[in-house]
């Protein structure tokens, strides 16, 4: 009796490609958010919060 084997070596490559594309899209979204006015406000509030926790500001 012969057993047929299916070659699935290309599946791993496709999964890496999908993961890379999703990561690049997420990085682009973060870049867009953080370089605009929203990012400026977020970083300013974060900086002020950290300074107040340290008792400096």
N, C-alpha and C. Protein backbone atom coordinates (compact mmCIF):
# COMPACT_ATOMS: atom_id res chain seq x y z
N UNK A 1 0.84 -1.17 0.00
CA UNK A 1 0.00 0.00 0.00
C UNK A 1 0.89 1.24 0.00
N UNK A 2 0.61 2.16 -0.88
CA UNK A 2 1.38 3.40 -0.99
C UNK A 2 0.70 4.52 -0.21
N UNK A 3 1.50 5.30 0.49
CA UNK A 3 0.98 6.45 1.24
C UNK A 3 1.39 7.71 0.50
N UNK A 4 0.42 8.52 0.16
CA UNK A 4 0.73 9.78 -0.52
C UNK A 4 1.07 10.85 0.50
N UNK A 5 2.13 11.59 0.22
CA UNK A 5 2.52 12.69 1.09
C UNK A 5 2.32 13.99 0.33
N UNK A 6 1.78 14.96 1.02
CA UNK A 6 1.58 16.27 0.42
C UNK A 6 2.69 17.20 0.89
N UNK A 7 3.28 17.89 -0.04
CA UNK A 7 4.37 18.82 0.30
C UNK A 7 3.76 20.14 0.75
N UNK A 8 3.97 20.49 2.01
CA UNK A 8 3.43 21.73 2.57
C UNK A 8 4.54 22.72 2.92
N UNK A 9 5.66 22.62 2.25
CA UNK A 9 6.79 23.49 2.58
C UNK A 9 6.51 24.96 2.25
N UNK A 10 5.64 25.24 1.31
CA UNK A 10 5.32 26.62 0.94
C UNK A 10 4.39 27.30 1.93
N UNK A 11 3.73 26.54 2.78
CA UNK A 11 2.79 27.12 3.74
C UNK A 11 3.51 28.01 4.74
N UNK A 12 4.65 27.56 5.23
CA UNK A 12 5.41 28.35 6.19
C UNK A 12 5.81 29.68 5.59
N UNK A 13 6.26 29.67 4.36
CA UNK A 13 6.66 30.90 3.67
C UNK A 13 5.47 31.84 3.54
N UNK A 14 4.32 31.32 3.21
CA UNK A 14 3.12 32.15 3.08
C UNK A 14 2.72 32.75 4.43
N UNK A 15 2.86 31.98 5.50
CA UNK A 15 2.53 32.50 6.83
C UNK A 15 3.48 33.63 7.23
N UNK A 16 4.75 33.48 6.92
CA UNK A 16 5.71 34.55 7.19
C UNK A 16 5.38 35.80 6.38
N UNK A 17 4.97 35.61 5.14
CA UNK A 17 4.63 36.75 4.28
C UNK A 17 3.42 37.50 4.83
N UNK A 18 2.41 36.78 5.29
CA UNK A 18 1.22 37.41 5.86
C UNK A 18 1.58 38.14 7.15
N UNK A 19 2.40 37.52 7.99
CA UNK A 19 2.83 38.15 9.24
C UNK A 19 3.65 39.40 8.99
N UNK A 20 4.52 39.36 8.00
CA UNK A 20 5.34 40.52 7.66
C UNK A 20 4.48 41.65 7.12
N UNK A 21 3.52 41.33 6.27
CA UNK A 21 2.63 42.36 5.73
C UNK A 21 1.78 42.99 6.83
N UNK A 22 1.29 42.17 7.76
CA UNK A 22 0.49 42.71 8.87
C UNK A 22 1.35 43.59 9.76
N UNK A 23 2.58 43.18 10.03
CA UNK A 23 3.49 43.99 10.84
C UNK A 23 3.82 45.31 10.19
N UNK A 24 4.04 45.29 8.89
CA UNK A 24 4.33 46.53 8.17
C UNK A 24 3.12 47.46 8.18
N UNK A 25 1.94 46.91 8.02
CA UNK A 25 0.73 47.74 8.08
C UNK A 25 0.53 48.36 9.44
N UNK A 26 0.77 47.59 10.50
CA UNK A 26 0.64 48.11 11.86
C UNK A 26 1.67 49.19 12.12
N UNK A 27 2.89 48.99 11.64
CA UNK A 27 3.94 50.00 11.82
C UNK A 27 3.57 51.29 11.09
N UNK A 28 3.00 51.17 9.90
CA UNK A 28 2.57 52.35 9.16
C UNK A 28 1.46 53.10 9.88
N UNK A 29 0.54 52.36 10.47
CA UNK A 29 -0.55 52.98 11.23
C UNK A 29 0.00 53.72 12.45
N UNK A 30 0.91 53.08 13.19
CA UNK A 30 1.51 53.74 14.35
C UNK A 30 2.28 54.99 13.95
N UNK A 31 3.02 54.91 12.86
CA UNK A 31 3.78 56.07 12.38
C UNK A 31 2.84 57.22 12.05
N UNK A 32 1.75 56.92 11.37
CA UNK A 32 0.78 57.95 11.00
C UNK A 32 0.16 58.59 12.24
N UNK A 33 -0.20 57.78 13.22
CA UNK A 33 -0.81 58.32 14.44
C UNK A 33 0.17 59.14 15.26
N UNK A 34 1.39 58.65 15.40
CA UNK A 34 2.34 59.30 16.30
C UNK A 34 3.01 60.52 15.70
N UNK A 35 3.02 60.67 14.40
CA UNK A 35 3.64 61.85 13.79
C UNK A 35 2.65 62.98 13.58
N UNK A 36 1.39 62.76 13.85
CA UNK A 36 0.39 63.80 13.71
C UNK A 36 0.14 64.51 15.02
N UNK A 37 -0.92 65.30 15.07
CA UNK A 37 -1.28 66.05 16.28
C UNK A 37 -1.62 65.10 17.43
N UNK A 38 -2.23 63.99 17.11
CA UNK A 38 -2.57 63.00 18.15
C UNK A 38 -1.31 62.52 18.86
N UNK A 39 -0.28 62.23 18.10
CA UNK A 39 0.98 61.76 18.68
C UNK A 39 1.64 62.82 19.53
N UNK A 40 1.59 64.07 19.08
CA UNK A 40 2.16 65.17 19.87
C UNK A 40 1.46 65.28 21.22
N UNK A 41 0.13 65.24 21.20
CA UNK A 41 -0.64 65.35 22.44
C UNK A 41 -0.37 64.15 23.35
N UNK A 42 -0.30 62.98 22.78
CA UNK A 42 -0.06 61.77 23.56
C UNK A 42 1.30 61.81 24.24
N UNK A 43 2.33 62.17 23.49
CA UNK A 43 3.67 62.22 24.06
C UNK A 43 3.79 63.32 25.11
N UNK A 44 3.14 64.45 24.88
CA UNK A 44 3.18 65.55 25.85
C UNK A 44 2.50 65.13 27.16
N UNK A 45 1.33 64.51 27.06
CA UNK A 45 0.62 64.06 28.26
C UNK A 45 1.41 62.98 28.99
N UNK A 46 2.03 62.08 28.24
CA UNK A 46 2.84 61.03 28.85
C UNK A 46 4.04 61.63 29.58
N UNK A 47 4.71 62.58 28.96
CA UNK A 47 5.86 63.24 29.56
C UNK A 47 5.46 63.97 30.84
N UNK A 48 4.35 64.71 30.78
CA UNK A 48 3.88 65.43 31.97
C UNK A 48 3.52 64.47 33.10
N UNK A 49 2.91 63.36 32.75
CA UNK A 49 2.52 62.37 33.76
C UNK A 49 3.76 61.78 34.44
N UNK A 50 4.75 61.43 33.66
CA UNK A 50 5.98 60.87 34.22
C UNK A 50 6.67 61.90 35.10
N UNK A 51 6.71 63.15 34.66
CA UNK A 51 7.35 64.20 35.45
C UNK A 51 6.60 64.41 36.78
N UNK A 52 5.27 64.33 36.75
CA UNK A 52 4.51 64.50 37.99
C UNK A 52 4.72 63.31 38.93
N UNK A 53 4.89 62.11 38.38
CA UNK A 53 5.18 60.95 39.21
C UNK A 53 6.54 61.08 39.90
N UNK A 54 7.47 61.70 39.21
CA UNK A 54 8.81 61.90 39.77
C UNK A 54 8.86 63.10 40.71
N UNK A 55 7.77 63.88 40.76
CA UNK A 55 7.72 65.05 41.62
C UNK A 55 8.46 66.24 41.05
N UNK A 56 8.70 66.24 39.75
CA UNK A 56 9.45 67.33 39.12
C UNK A 56 8.51 68.38 38.56
N UNK A 57 7.40 67.96 37.99
CA UNK A 57 6.56 68.92 37.29
C UNK A 57 5.28 69.20 37.92
